[in-house]
Structures are given as structure tokens and as C-alpha cells.
Amino acid sequence: MRCLIYLAVLLSTARAAPFELISKRSLADHEWAPNKDGCPALLEEGEFEFPHYITHISQSEPDKAFGPQYKANFTPNDISTIFNFDIPLEREDANCTMQFIFPRRKPWKTSRYSYQGNGTFFFTGYDAGSCPGPNTTFNNQPELGSFPPFPPIHLEPGYAYTIDIGPCFVGAGTCVAGVTSTNDTYFEFFQDSSNCPIGLYNTYSYGEPCPPEYCPPV
């Protein structure tokens, strides 16, 4: 399977699955919570992970360590964001779906974003178990995975992006991480699932990996 949104981050591991999926779809009416105007209701309680560690790297300051961050930040050909997920061992029999949720509504009570540019993003996965930390820099990144980066993905508000889907057992019990970058966009958001979900998430499912209504053909 092809490796985002490592943003995506079962990126380097899930591609070993016998199927591959990258899809973009408009957030349909039934996917918006009735009490959250313009907010997606895609995350089932207890069946998703948000990034457990976020940090930035800078091509112009290659030895600068940004440490743990709450916001994702992207600038053209410079600042990229690394997302790290810890996959529990007990999820080894589940399907892991990496998706980026980008709702239309802003601002929110606890989250907001700024977005300017053409929206081209690149996702590159690291080896499973190769985790970012407080000393991570552009020159000192986790070990890259054996697969090439994903093709560029165009991100814009009002859509959910399925970046990768595959068996969780590949990364269960360890971390999976990847770096997301851009060559034409300024984008910053506060990763948050409490009020109006925005950002990169790993969701769990069992049985068929992706119902057609959620993952239409590209």
C-alpha cells in the first residue's frame, strides 16, 4: 500500500497491506454533528487516536530542535511538521485508517487554523519504532521508511482525506510517525478533537477495512 495524512503516519508500515487507498471526499450532511454547526462528527469515541507527539523541523534552521508542540505549522520549503502515533498492542487485529479532517467552520472555541496558498502537501513516513523526540531536528530526523514519499495531496477546507489504510499489527505496540511538508502553502492549526475536530487522526475499524460510503474510489 502506498504511504499523510503519514501527515501520514502509519505511512511507512501500512503500505505493506494488500490494498491501497488515497481518497478525498466532501464532508456529507450526515457527517456533521447537529449541535456543532459545520463540525465533522467522524470520530467515534474510543476508536481513534490523535497524535501523541507533534514537533516541527526547519530546513532553514536545520539544527534547531522545536520540542513538543500543540500546533502543526507549515511554510513553503521550510517548516514541516512531524506527527507521531502510539498504536496500542491490543489493536493488532484492527484496521488503521490515517485521515486528515479539515472542516469548513472557523474559528472554534478551542481550535482554529490559518491557511494561505495552493494547498499542496507531501507526506513521508518513518520506520515503525523510529520516533521523534525533544532533540529531533531537520538534520536529526527519525529513520526514513523504505518506501518513497506519497504523491502530493491537495488539502482544502470542507473535506476529509483518507491518506492510508492498513492492518494495525504492523505498528501495534510501537510508534508510527511521518513528516508532512509543503512547497506552496502557509498553514497552521491547533490539533484538537474536543470541540470541532481538525487535523490528523488514526481511526480503528474491524472487519472490512473501509465501507464504500466512507472510502469511495479515487
N, C-alpha and C. Protein backbone atom coordinates (compact mmCIF):
# COMPACT_ATOMS: atom_id res chain seq x y z
N MET A 1 0.84 -1.18 0.00
CA MET A 1 0.00 0.00 0.00
C MET A 1 0.87 1.23 0.00
N ARG A 2 0.37 2.27 -0.58
CA ARG A 2 1.15 3.49 -0.65
C ARG A 2 1.01 4.26 0.64
N CYS A 3 2.11 4.86 0.93
CA CYS A 3 2.02 5.68 2.07
C CYS A 3 1.13 6.81 1.62
N LEU A 4 -0.08 10.30 5.24
CA LEU A 4 -0.21 11.55 5.37
C LEU A 4 -0.48 10.84 5.67
N ILE A 5 -2.22 11.41 5.21
CA ILE A 5 -2.34 12.41 6.41
C ILE A 5 -2.73 11.79 6.41
N TYR A 6 1.53 8.93 6.53
CA TYR A 6 1.85 9.93 7.39
C TYR A 6 1.44 10.66 6.85
N LEU A 7 0.31 13.25 7.18
CA LEU A 7 0.56 13.79 7.70
C LEU A 7 0.37 12.92 7.79
N ALA A 8 0.95 9.82 6.03
CA ALA A 8 0.63 10.25 7.00
C ALA A 8 0.75 9.20 7.95
N VAL A 9 0.41 8.61 9.08
CA VAL A 9 1.63 8.25 9.71
C VAL A 9 1.72 6.79 9.98
N LEU A 10 0.80 6.07 9.70
CA LEU A 10 1.13 4.68 9.55
C LEU A 10 1.84 4.57 8.22
N LEU A 11 2.46 5.62 7.85
CA LEU A 11 2.94 5.80 6.50
C LEU A 11 3.92 4.75 6.06
N SER A 12 4.92 4.52 6.84
CA SER A 12 5.99 3.65 6.38
C SER A 12 5.65 2.18 6.52
N THR A 13 4.58 1.88 7.28
CA THR A 13 4.31 0.49 7.60
C THR A 13 3.10 -0.07 6.91
N ALA A 14 2.01 0.72 6.85
CA ALA A 14 0.74 0.19 6.36
C ALA A 14 0.78 -0.13 4.89
N ARG A 15 1.74 0.39 4.17
CA ARG A 15 1.78 0.15 2.74
C ARG A 15 2.09 -1.30 2.40
N ALA A 16 2.43 -2.08 3.39
CA ALA A 16 2.67 -3.49 3.14
C ALA A 16 1.37 -4.24 2.96
N ALA A 17 0.21 -3.57 3.20
CA ALA A 17 -1.08 -4.22 3.09
C ALA A 17 -1.39 -4.55 1.63
N PRO A 18 -2.29 -5.53 1.39
CA PRO A 18 -2.59 -5.95 0.03
C PRO A 18 -3.58 -5.04 -0.68
N PHE A 19 -3.90 -3.88 -0.09
CA PHE A 19 -4.78 -2.94 -0.77
C PHE A 19 -4.20 -1.56 -0.55
N GLU A 20 -4.59 -0.61 -1.34
CA GLU A 20 -4.11 0.74 -1.15
C GLU A 20 -5.25 1.72 -1.36
N LEU A 21 -5.17 2.85 -0.67
CA LEU A 21 -6.27 3.80 -0.72
C LEU A 21 -5.76 5.19 -0.41
N ILE A 22 -6.02 6.09 -1.29
CA ILE A 22 -5.87 7.52 -1.03
C ILE A 22 -7.12 8.16 -1.60
N SER A 23 -7.92 8.81 -0.76
CA SER A 23 -9.16 9.39 -1.25
C SER A 23 -9.41 10.75 -0.63
N LYS A 24 -10.14 11.56 -1.36
CA LYS A 24 -10.58 12.87 -0.90
C LYS A 24 -12.08 12.92 -1.13
N ARG A 25 -12.82 13.33 -0.11
CA ARG A 25 -14.26 13.38 -0.29
C ARG A 25 -14.84 14.55 0.49
N SER A 26 -15.87 15.13 -0.06
CA SER A 26 -16.55 16.22 0.61
C SER A 26 -17.25 15.69 1.85
N LEU A 27 -17.21 16.43 2.92
CA LEU A 27 -17.88 16.02 4.15
C LEU A 27 -19.39 16.14 3.94
N ALA A 28 -20.08 15.00 3.95
CA ALA A 28 -21.51 14.96 3.65
C ALA A 28 -22.33 15.41 4.84
N ASP A 29 -23.63 15.68 4.58
CA ASP A 29 -24.50 16.21 5.63
C ASP A 29 -24.57 15.29 6.84
N HIS A 30 -24.61 13.96 6.61
CA HIS A 30 -24.78 13.04 7.74
C HIS A 30 -23.52 12.95 8.60
N GLU A 31 -22.45 13.59 8.16
CA GLU A 31 -21.20 13.53 8.90
C GLU A 31 -20.94 14.77 9.74
N TRP A 32 -21.95 15.65 9.82
CA TRP A 32 -21.79 16.85 10.62
C TRP A 32 -22.69 16.73 11.85
N ALA A 33 -22.10 16.94 13.02
CA ALA A 33 -22.87 16.82 14.27
C ALA A 33 -23.95 17.89 14.30
N PRO A 34 -25.22 17.52 14.67
CA PRO A 34 -26.31 18.50 14.64
C PRO A 34 -26.10 19.66 15.61
N ASN A 35 -25.35 19.44 16.70
CA ASN A 35 -25.14 20.51 17.67
C ASN A 35 -23.80 21.21 17.47
N LYS A 36 -23.13 20.92 16.36
CA LYS A 36 -21.85 21.56 16.06
C LYS A 36 -21.90 22.04 14.61
N ASP A 37 -22.39 23.23 14.43
CA ASP A 37 -22.58 23.76 13.08
C ASP A 37 -21.26 23.76 12.32
N GLY A 38 -21.21 22.98 11.26
CA GLY A 38 -20.02 22.95 10.44
C GLY A 38 -18.88 22.14 11.00
N CYS A 39 -19.14 21.27 11.98
CA CYS A 39 -18.09 20.46 12.58
C CYS A 39 -18.30 18.98 12.25
N PRO A 40 -17.27 18.29 11.82
CA PRO A 40 -17.44 16.88 11.45
C PRO A 40 -17.65 15.99 12.66
N ALA A 41 -18.52 14.98 12.49
CA ALA A 41 -18.80 14.01 13.54
C ALA A 41 -18.25 12.66 13.13
N LEU A 42 -16.99 12.65 12.70
CA LEU A 42 -16.40 11.44 12.14
C LEU A 42 -15.70 10.57 13.18
N LEU A 43 -15.38 11.11 14.34
CA LEU A 43 -14.55 10.41 15.30
C LEU A 43 -15.41 9.72 16.34
N GLU A 44 -15.41 8.39 16.32
CA GLU A 44 -16.18 7.62 17.29
C GLU A 44 -15.37 7.49 18.57
N GLU A 45 -16.01 7.83 19.68
CA GLU A 45 -15.32 7.82 20.97
C GLU A 45 -14.69 6.45 21.25
N GLY A 46 -13.42 6.47 21.62
CA GLY A 46 -12.71 5.25 21.93
C GLY A 46 -12.16 4.50 20.74
N GLU A 47 -12.43 5.00 19.53
CA GLU A 47 -12.00 4.29 18.31
C GLU A 47 -11.08 5.15 17.44
N PHE A 48 -10.36 6.05 18.05
CA PHE A 48 -9.42 6.86 17.28
C PHE A 48 -8.25 7.27 18.18
N GLU A 49 -7.16 7.66 17.54
CA GLU A 49 -6.01 8.22 18.23
C GLU A 49 -5.69 9.57 17.62
N PHE A 50 -5.39 10.55 18.46
CA PHE A 50 -4.81 11.79 17.97
C PHE A 50 -3.29 11.67 18.10
N PRO A 51 -2.52 12.52 17.45
CA PRO A 51 -1.07 12.41 17.56
C PRO A 51 -0.61 12.55 19.02
N HIS A 52 0.24 11.65 19.43
CA HIS A 52 0.74 11.70 20.81
C HIS A 52 1.98 12.56 20.93
N TYR A 53 2.55 12.93 19.80
CA TYR A 53 3.70 13.86 19.82
C TYR A 53 3.71 14.59 18.49
N ILE A 54 3.86 15.91 18.57
CA ILE A 54 3.96 16.76 17.39
C ILE A 54 5.20 17.64 17.56
N THR A 55 5.98 17.76 16.52
CA THR A 55 7.10 18.69 16.54
C THR A 55 7.33 19.24 15.14
N HIS A 56 8.14 20.28 15.07
CA HIS A 56 8.45 20.91 13.79
C HIS A 56 9.93 20.71 13.45
N ILE A 57 10.23 20.80 12.18
CA ILE A 57 11.61 20.86 11.72
C ILE A 57 11.70 21.98 10.69
N SER A 58 12.89 22.58 10.56
CA SER A 58 13.07 23.71 9.66
C SER A 58 14.27 23.48 8.76
N GLN A 59 14.03 23.59 7.47
CA GLN A 59 15.10 23.45 6.50
C GLN A 59 16.09 24.62 6.59
N SER A 60 15.60 25.81 6.94
CA SER A 60 16.47 26.97 7.05
C SER A 60 17.24 27.02 8.37
N GLU A 61 16.75 26.30 9.37
CA GLU A 61 17.45 26.16 10.66
C GLU A 61 17.58 24.67 10.96
N PRO A 62 18.41 23.97 10.21
CA PRO A 62 18.41 22.50 10.24
C PRO A 62 18.83 21.87 11.55
N ASP A 63 19.46 22.63 12.44
CA ASP A 63 19.89 22.07 13.72
C ASP A 63 19.04 22.56 14.88
N LYS A 64 17.96 23.27 14.60
CA LYS A 64 17.08 23.75 15.65
C LYS A 64 16.10 22.67 16.06
N ALA A 65 16.02 22.38 17.37
CA ALA A 65 15.04 21.44 17.92
C ALA A 65 13.86 22.23 18.47
N PHE A 66 12.67 21.99 17.96
CA PHE A 66 11.48 22.73 18.37
C PHE A 66 10.82 22.12 19.60
N GLY A 67 11.12 20.85 19.88
CA GLY A 67 10.49 20.19 21.02
C GLY A 67 9.02 19.92 20.79
N PRO A 68 8.30 19.50 21.84
CA PRO A 68 6.87 19.16 21.68
C PRO A 68 6.04 20.39 21.36
N GLN A 69 5.08 20.22 20.45
CA GLN A 69 4.22 21.30 20.01
C GLN A 69 2.76 20.87 20.07
N TYR A 70 1.86 21.83 20.21
CA TYR A 70 0.43 21.56 20.16
C TYR A 70 -0.16 21.95 18.80
N LYS A 71 0.57 22.78 18.08
CA LYS A 71 0.10 23.23 16.77
C LYS A 71 0.94 22.60 15.67
N ALA A 72 0.30 22.34 14.54
CA ALA A 72 1.02 21.98 13.33
C ALA A 72 1.32 23.26 12.57
N ASN A 73 2.49 23.33 11.97
CA ASN A 73 2.90 24.54 11.27
C ASN A 73 3.64 24.16 9.99
N PHE A 74 3.26 24.82 8.89
CA PHE A 74 3.86 24.53 7.59
C PHE A 74 4.14 25.84 6.87
N THR A 75 5.33 25.97 6.30
CA THR A 75 5.65 27.09 5.42
C THR A 75 6.33 26.53 4.18
N PRO A 76 6.25 27.24 3.06
CA PRO A 76 6.78 26.68 1.81
C PRO A 76 8.29 26.41 1.88
N ASN A 77 8.65 25.16 1.62
CA ASN A 77 10.04 24.74 1.51
C ASN A 77 10.87 25.06 2.75
N ASP A 78 10.22 25.11 3.92
CA ASP A 78 10.97 25.39 5.15
C ASP A 78 10.45 24.57 6.32
N ILE A 79 9.43 25.07 6.99
CA ILE A 79 8.95 24.41 8.21
C ILE A 79 7.99 23.28 7.86
N SER A 80 8.29 22.10 8.40
CA SER A 80 7.44 20.92 8.25
C SER A 80 7.02 20.45 9.64
N THR A 81 6.01 19.61 9.69
CA THR A 81 5.53 19.09 10.96
C THR A 81 5.62 17.57 10.97
N ILE A 82 6.12 17.05 12.09
CA ILE A 82 6.19 15.60 12.31
C ILE A 82 5.07 15.21 13.26
N PHE A 83 4.31 14.19 12.88
CA PHE A 83 3.24 13.64 13.72
C PHE A 83 3.64 12.23 14.15
N ASN A 84 3.40 11.93 15.41
CA ASN A 84 3.74 10.61 15.95
C ASN A 84 2.51 9.99 16.62
N PHE A 85 2.23 8.74 16.30
CA PHE A 85 1.13 7.99 16.91
C PHE A 85 1.69 6.76 17.62
N ASP A 86 1.17 6.50 18.80
CA ASP A 86 1.47 5.25 19.50
C ASP A 86 0.29 4.31 19.32
N ILE A 87 0.53 3.16 18.70
CA ILE A 87 -0.55 2.21 18.42
C ILE A 87 -0.53 1.13 19.49
N PRO A 88 -1.59 1.01 20.30
CA PRO A 88 -1.61 0.01 21.37
C PRO A 88 -1.52 -1.41 20.81
N LEU A 89 -0.85 -2.27 21.56
CA LEU A 89 -0.68 -3.65 21.13
C LEU A 89 -2.03 -4.35 20.96
N GLU A 90 -3.00 -3.99 21.79
CA GLU A 90 -4.30 -4.64 21.71
C GLU A 90 -5.07 -4.30 20.43
N ARG A 91 -4.56 -3.38 19.64
CA ARG A 91 -5.21 -3.03 18.36
C ARG A 91 -4.61 -3.80 17.19
N GLU A 92 -3.83 -4.81 17.45
CA GLU A 92 -3.13 -5.51 16.37
C GLU A 92 -4.07 -6.21 15.39
N ASP A 93 -5.33 -6.48 15.80
CA ASP A 93 -6.27 -7.13 14.89
C ASP A 93 -7.22 -6.14 14.23
N ALA A 94 -6.96 -4.86 14.39
CA ALA A 94 -7.83 -3.83 13.81
C ALA A 94 -7.26 -3.32 12.49
N ASN A 95 -8.09 -2.56 11.77
CA ASN A 95 -7.62 -1.79 10.62
C ASN A 95 -7.29 -0.38 11.11
N CYS A 96 -6.18 0.17 10.66
CA CYS A 96 -5.80 1.53 10.98
C CYS A 96 -5.99 2.41 9.75
N THR A 97 -6.78 3.46 9.91
CA THR A 97 -7.03 4.40 8.83
C THR A 97 -6.48 5.76 9.23
N MET A 98 -5.56 6.27 8.45
CA MET A 98 -5.00 7.59 8.69
C MET A 98 -5.76 8.60 7.86
N GLN A 99 -6.35 9.59 8.53
CA GLN A 99 -7.13 10.57 7.80
C GLN A 99 -6.89 11.98 8.33
N PHE A 100 -7.01 12.92 7.43
CA PHE A 100 -6.92 14.33 7.79
C PHE A 100 -8.30 14.93 7.66
N ILE A 101 -8.81 15.52 8.74
CA ILE A 101 -10.13 16.13 8.77
C ILE A 101 -9.96 17.64 8.72
N PHE A 102 -10.59 18.26 7.74
CA PHE A 102 -10.40 19.69 7.51
C PHE A 102 -11.77 20.35 7.35
N PRO A 103 -12.43 20.69 8.47
CA PRO A 103 -13.77 21.27 8.39
C PRO A 103 -13.75 22.70 7.87
N ARG A 104 -14.93 23.15 7.47
CA ARG A 104 -15.06 24.48 6.89
C ARG A 104 -15.12 25.58 7.95
N ARG A 105 -15.74 25.28 9.08
CA ARG A 105 -16.07 26.31 10.05
C ARG A 105 -14.85 26.80 10.81
N LYS A 106 -14.74 28.09 10.99
CA LYS A 106 -13.72 28.70 11.81
C LYS A 106 -14.18 30.10 12.23
N PRO A 107 -13.76 30.64 13.39
CA PRO A 107 -12.95 29.93 14.36
C PRO A 107 -13.81 29.05 15.27
N TRP A 108 -13.18 28.21 16.09
CA TRP A 108 -13.87 27.38 17.05
C TRP A 108 -13.54 27.86 18.46
N LYS A 109 -14.16 27.22 19.44
CA LYS A 109 -13.90 27.59 20.83
C LYS A 109 -12.47 27.24 21.23
N THR A 110 -11.99 26.08 20.81
CA THR A 110 -10.68 25.62 21.27
C THR A 110 -9.70 25.41 20.14
N SER A 111 -10.11 25.57 18.90
CA SER A 111 -9.19 25.35 17.80
C SER A 111 -9.47 26.33 16.68
N ARG A 112 -8.47 26.56 15.85
CA ARG A 112 -8.62 27.45 14.70
C ARG A 112 -7.49 27.14 13.74
N TYR A 113 -7.60 27.68 12.54
CA TYR A 113 -6.49 27.50 11.61
C TYR A 113 -6.31 28.75 10.77
N SER A 114 -5.11 28.90 10.24
CA SER A 114 -4.83 29.90 9.21
C SER A 114 -4.30 29.14 8.01
N TYR A 115 -4.73 29.56 6.82
CA TYR A 115 -4.45 28.80 5.61
C TYR A 115 -4.34 29.76 4.45
N GLN A 116 -3.19 29.76 3.78
CA GLN A 116 -2.99 30.63 2.64
C GLN A 116 -2.04 29.94 1.65
N GLY A 117 -2.49 29.79 0.42
CA GLY A 117 -1.65 29.17 -0.59
C GLY A 117 -2.43 28.21 -1.46
N ASN A 118 -1.71 27.41 -2.22
CA ASN A 118 -2.33 26.48 -3.17
C ASN A 118 -2.69 25.13 -2.57
N GLY A 119 -2.21 24.82 -1.36
CA GLY A 119 -2.64 23.62 -0.67
C GLY A 119 -1.96 22.32 -1.08
N THR A 120 -0.72 22.39 -1.54
CA THR A 120 0.00 21.17 -1.92
C THR A 120 0.82 20.66 -0.75
N PHE A 121 0.59 19.39 -0.37
CA PHE A 121 1.30 18.82 0.79
C PHE A 121 1.89 17.46 0.43
N PHE A 122 2.99 17.17 1.11
CA PHE A 122 3.72 15.93 0.88
C PHE A 122 3.84 15.17 2.21
N PHE A 123 3.61 13.86 2.17
CA PHE A 123 3.67 13.01 3.34
C PHE A 123 4.76 11.96 3.15
N THR A 124 5.64 11.87 4.12
CA THR A 124 6.73 10.90 4.07
C THR A 124 6.78 10.15 5.40
N GLY A 125 6.82 8.84 5.34
CA GLY A 125 6.78 8.02 6.54
C GLY A 125 8.16 7.65 7.06
N TYR A 126 8.24 7.48 8.38
CA TYR A 126 9.44 6.97 9.02
C TYR A 126 9.27 5.48 9.31
N ASP A 127 10.36 4.82 9.62
CA ASP A 127 10.30 3.42 10.02
C ASP A 127 9.47 3.26 11.28
N ALA A 128 8.68 2.19 11.36
CA ALA A 128 7.95 1.89 12.59
C ALA A 128 8.94 1.74 13.73
N GLY A 129 8.64 2.39 14.86
CA GLY A 129 9.53 2.34 16.02
C GLY A 129 10.58 3.44 16.00
N SER A 130 10.68 4.19 14.91
CA SER A 130 11.62 5.31 14.84
C SER A 130 10.85 6.58 15.18
N CYS A 131 10.99 7.03 16.42
CA CYS A 131 10.10 8.05 16.97
C CYS A 131 10.79 9.40 17.10
N PRO A 132 10.08 10.49 16.88
CA PRO A 132 10.62 11.82 17.14
C PRO A 132 10.68 12.09 18.64
N GLY A 133 11.48 13.07 19.02
CA GLY A 133 11.61 13.44 20.43
C GLY A 133 12.07 14.87 20.57
N PRO A 134 12.41 15.29 21.78
CA PRO A 134 12.77 16.69 22.02
C PRO A 134 14.02 17.14 21.29
N ASN A 135 14.86 16.21 20.86
CA ASN A 135 16.09 16.56 20.15
C ASN A 135 15.98 16.42 18.64
N THR A 136 14.78 16.15 18.15
CA THR A 136 14.59 15.98 16.71
C THR A 136 14.79 17.31 15.98
N THR A 137 15.57 17.29 14.91
CA THR A 137 15.80 18.45 14.06
C THR A 137 15.71 18.02 12.61
N PHE A 138 15.82 18.97 11.69
CA PHE A 138 15.83 18.63 10.27
C PHE A 138 17.00 17.70 9.95
N ASN A 139 18.14 17.96 10.59
CA ASN A 139 19.32 17.13 10.36
C ASN A 139 19.34 15.87 11.21
N ASN A 140 18.39 15.76 12.12
CA ASN A 140 18.37 14.62 13.04
C ASN A 140 16.95 14.07 13.13
N GLN A 141 16.42 13.66 11.99
CA GLN A 141 15.06 13.12 11.92
C GLN A 141 15.06 11.62 12.22
N PRO A 142 13.90 11.09 12.56
CA PRO A 142 13.78 9.63 12.66
C PRO A 142 14.15 8.96 11.33
N GLU A 143 14.42 7.68 11.39
CA GLU A 143 14.85 6.93 10.21
C GLU A 143 13.72 6.88 9.18
N LEU A 144 14.03 7.27 7.95
CA LEU A 144 13.02 7.22 6.90
C LEU A 144 12.63 5.79 6.58
N GLY A 145 11.38 5.59 6.21
CA GLY A 145 10.92 4.29 5.79
C GLY A 145 11.51 3.90 4.44
N SER A 146 11.28 2.66 4.07
CA SER A 146 11.87 2.14 2.85
C SER A 146 11.08 2.51 1.59
N PHE A 147 9.89 3.11 1.77
CA PHE A 147 9.07 3.47 0.62
C PHE A 147 9.24 4.95 0.28
N PRO A 148 9.05 5.33 -0.96
CA PRO A 148 9.16 6.74 -1.34
C PRO A 148 8.01 7.56 -0.76
N PRO A 149 8.12 8.89 -0.76
CA PRO A 149 7.03 9.73 -0.26
C PRO A 149 5.76 9.52 -1.06
N PHE A 150 4.63 9.82 -0.43
CA PHE A 150 3.35 9.82 -1.14
C PHE A 150 3.38 10.84 -2.27
N PRO A 151 2.58 10.64 -3.28
CA PRO A 151 2.38 11.72 -4.25
C PRO A 151 1.79 12.93 -3.54
N PRO A 152 1.99 14.13 -4.05
CA PRO A 152 1.45 15.33 -3.39
C PRO A 152 -0.07 15.26 -3.27
N ILE A 153 -0.58 15.79 -2.17
CA ILE A 153 -2.02 15.81 -1.89
C ILE A 153 -2.45 17.27 -1.75
N HIS A 154 -3.59 17.59 -2.34
CA HIS A 154 -4.13 18.95 -2.24
C HIS A 154 -5.12 19.00 -1.10
N LEU A 155 -4.85 19.83 -0.09
CA LEU A 155 -5.72 19.97 1.08
C LEU A 155 -6.48 21.29 1.01
N GLU A 156 -7.79 21.22 1.26
CA GLU A 156 -8.62 22.42 1.32
C GLU A 156 -9.77 22.18 2.29
N PRO A 157 -10.31 23.25 2.87
CA PRO A 157 -11.38 23.10 3.87
C PRO A 157 -12.62 22.44 3.28
N GLY A 158 -13.34 21.70 4.16
CA GLY A 158 -14.60 21.07 3.77
C GLY A 158 -14.47 19.64 3.32
N TYR A 159 -13.31 19.03 3.51
CA TYR A 159 -13.07 17.67 3.04
C TYR A 159 -12.42 16.81 4.13
N ALA A 160 -12.65 15.51 3.99
CA ALA A 160 -11.91 14.52 4.77
C ALA A 160 -11.01 13.75 3.82
N TYR A 161 -9.78 13.58 4.19
CA TYR A 161 -8.78 12.94 3.34
C TYR A 161 -8.33 11.63 3.98
N THR A 162 -8.57 10.53 3.29
CA THR A 162 -8.04 9.24 3.73
C THR A 162 -6.66 9.10 3.11
N ILE A 163 -5.65 9.12 3.96
CA ILE A 163 -4.28 9.10 3.46
C ILE A 163 -3.76 7.68 3.36
N ASP A 164 -4.14 6.84 4.30
CA ASP A 164 -3.64 5.47 4.28
C ASP A 164 -4.57 4.58 5.09
N ILE A 165 -4.62 3.32 4.73
CA ILE A 165 -5.39 2.34 5.48
C ILE A 165 -4.67 1.00 5.38
N GLY A 166 -4.59 0.32 6.51
CA GLY A 166 -3.87 -0.96 6.53
C GLY A 166 -4.01 -1.65 7.86
N PRO A 167 -3.46 -2.84 8.00
CA PRO A 167 -3.57 -3.60 9.25
C PRO A 167 -2.74 -2.97 10.35
N CYS A 168 -3.35 -2.82 11.53
CA CYS A 168 -2.66 -2.18 12.65
C CYS A 168 -1.51 -3.02 13.20
N PHE A 169 -1.52 -4.33 12.93
CA PHE A 169 -0.50 -5.17 13.56
C PHE A 169 0.91 -4.77 13.16
N VAL A 170 1.05 -4.10 12.02
CA VAL A 170 2.38 -3.70 11.56
C VAL A 170 3.05 -2.75 12.54
N GLY A 171 2.25 -1.84 13.13
CA GLY A 171 2.82 -0.88 14.06
C GLY A 171 2.34 -1.03 15.49
N ALA A 172 1.55 -2.07 15.78
CA ALA A 172 0.99 -2.24 17.12
C ALA A 172 2.10 -2.45 18.14
N GLY A 173 1.98 -1.75 19.26
CA GLY A 173 2.95 -1.88 20.32
C GLY A 173 4.15 -0.95 20.18
N THR A 174 4.13 -0.10 19.18
CA THR A 174 5.24 0.83 18.98
C THR A 174 4.70 2.14 18.40
N CYS A 175 5.60 3.00 17.95
CA CYS A 175 5.16 4.27 17.38
C CYS A 175 5.24 4.20 15.87
N VAL A 176 4.40 4.97 15.21
CA VAL A 176 4.49 5.19 13.78
C VAL A 176 4.45 6.71 13.58
N ALA A 177 5.33 7.21 12.76
CA ALA A 177 5.45 8.65 12.60
C ALA A 177 5.79 9.00 11.17
N GLY A 178 5.58 10.26 10.83
CA GLY A 178 5.89 10.73 9.50
C GLY A 178 5.93 12.25 9.48
N VAL A 179 6.50 12.79 8.43
CA VAL A 179 6.65 14.24 8.29
C VAL A 179 5.79 14.73 7.14
N THR A 180 5.14 15.86 7.35
CA THR A 180 4.31 16.50 6.34
C THR A 180 4.92 17.86 6.00
N SER A 181 5.04 18.14 4.70
CA SER A 181 5.66 19.38 4.26
C SER A 181 4.87 19.97 3.10
N THR A 182 5.22 21.19 2.71
CA THR A 182 4.55 21.87 1.60
C THR A 182 5.56 22.71 0.83
N ASN A 183 5.24 22.97 -0.42
CA ASN A 183 6.09 23.84 -1.23
C ASN A 183 5.39 25.13 -1.65
N ASP A 184 4.13 25.32 -1.18
CA ASP A 184 3.40 26.50 -1.66
C ASP A 184 2.36 27.05 -0.70
N THR A 185 2.36 26.60 0.56
CA THR A 185 1.25 26.96 1.45
C THR A 185 1.74 27.32 2.86
N TYR A 186 1.11 28.34 3.43
CA TYR A 186 1.28 28.66 4.84
C TYR A 186 0.05 28.11 5.56
N PHE A 187 0.25 27.22 6.49
CA PHE A 187 -0.87 26.54 7.15
C PHE A 187 -0.48 26.27 8.59
N GLU A 188 -1.35 26.70 9.50
CA GLU A 188 -1.14 26.44 10.92
C GLU A 188 -2.48 26.07 11.54
N PHE A 189 -2.49 25.04 12.34
CA PHE A 189 -3.72 24.67 13.04
C PHE A 189 -3.39 24.05 14.39
N PHE A 190 -4.33 24.19 15.30
CA PHE A 190 -4.22 23.57 16.61
C PHE A 190 -4.92 22.22 16.54
N GLN A 191 -4.14 21.14 16.68
CA GLN A 191 -4.70 19.79 16.61
C GLN A 191 -5.64 19.59 17.79
N ASP A 192 -6.92 19.34 17.49
CA ASP A 192 -7.91 19.28 18.56
C ASP A 192 -9.08 18.41 18.15
N SER A 193 -9.53 17.57 19.07
CA SER A 193 -10.69 16.72 18.81
C SER A 193 -11.84 17.00 19.75
N SER A 194 -11.68 17.94 20.69
CA SER A 194 -12.68 18.11 21.75
C SER A 194 -13.88 18.93 21.31
N ASN A 195 -13.68 19.91 20.46
CA ASN A 195 -14.78 20.79 20.10
C ASN A 195 -15.19 20.61 18.65
N CYS A 196 -14.29 20.86 17.75
CA CYS A 196 -14.56 20.70 16.32
C CYS A 196 -13.33 20.06 15.71
N PRO A 197 -13.35 18.75 15.49
CA PRO A 197 -12.13 18.04 15.09
C PRO A 197 -11.48 18.59 13.84
N ILE A 198 -10.19 18.82 13.94
CA ILE A 198 -9.38 19.21 12.80
C ILE A 198 -8.03 18.54 12.97
N GLY A 199 -7.44 18.12 11.87
CA GLY A 199 -6.10 17.58 11.94
C GLY A 199 -6.01 16.14 11.52
N LEU A 200 -4.89 15.54 11.91
CA LEU A 200 -4.56 14.17 11.51
C LEU A 200 -4.96 13.20 12.61
N TYR A 201 -5.66 12.12 12.22
CA TYR A 201 -6.13 11.13 13.18
C TYR A 201 -5.93 9.72 12.62
N ASN A 202 -5.74 8.80 13.54
CA ASN A 202 -5.76 7.38 13.19
C ASN A 202 -7.03 6.79 13.78
N THR A 203 -7.88 6.22 12.94
CA THR A 203 -9.13 5.62 13.42
C THR A 203 -9.07 4.11 13.27
N TYR A 204 -9.79 3.42 14.14
CA TYR A 204 -9.79 1.96 14.16
C TYR A 204 -11.11 1.41 13.64
N SER A 205 -11.02 0.30 12.94
CA SER A 205 -12.20 -0.42 12.50
C SER A 205 -11.86 -1.90 12.45
N TYR A 206 -12.91 -2.71 12.35
CA TYR A 206 -12.71 -4.16 12.33
C TYR A 206 -13.53 -4.75 11.18
N GLY A 207 -13.08 -5.85 10.65
CA GLY A 207 -13.78 -6.47 9.54
C GLY A 207 -13.30 -5.87 8.23
N GLU A 208 -14.26 -5.55 7.34
CA GLU A 208 -13.90 -4.93 6.07
C GLU A 208 -13.16 -3.63 6.34
N PRO A 209 -12.06 -3.38 5.65
CA PRO A 209 -11.23 -2.24 6.00
C PRO A 209 -11.84 -0.88 5.77
N CYS A 210 -12.77 -0.76 4.82
CA CYS A 210 -13.28 0.58 4.53
C CYS A 210 -14.61 0.49 3.81
N PRO A 211 -15.74 0.78 4.49
CA PRO A 211 -17.03 0.75 3.82
C PRO A 211 -17.07 1.70 2.64
N PRO A 212 -17.71 1.32 1.54
CA PRO A 212 -17.73 2.15 0.32
C PRO A 212 -18.21 3.57 0.54
N GLU A 213 -19.19 3.78 1.45
CA GLU A 213 -19.71 5.12 1.62
C GLU A 213 -18.70 6.05 2.29
N TYR A 214 -17.70 5.45 2.96
CA TYR A 214 -16.68 6.28 3.60
C TYR A 214 -15.43 6.38 2.76
N CYS A 215 -15.19 5.44 1.91
CA CYS A 215 -13.98 5.45 1.11
C CYS A 215 -14.31 5.15 -0.35
N PRO A 216 -14.88 6.12 -1.03
CA PRO A 216 -15.23 5.92 -2.43
C PRO A 216 -13.98 5.80 -3.28
N PRO A 217 -14.12 5.22 -4.47
CA PRO A 217 -12.96 5.12 -5.36
C PRO A 217 -12.41 6.50 -5.69
N VAL A 218 -11.09 6.59 -5.87
CA VAL A 218 -10.46 7.84 -6.22
C VAL A 218 -10.79 8.18 -7.67
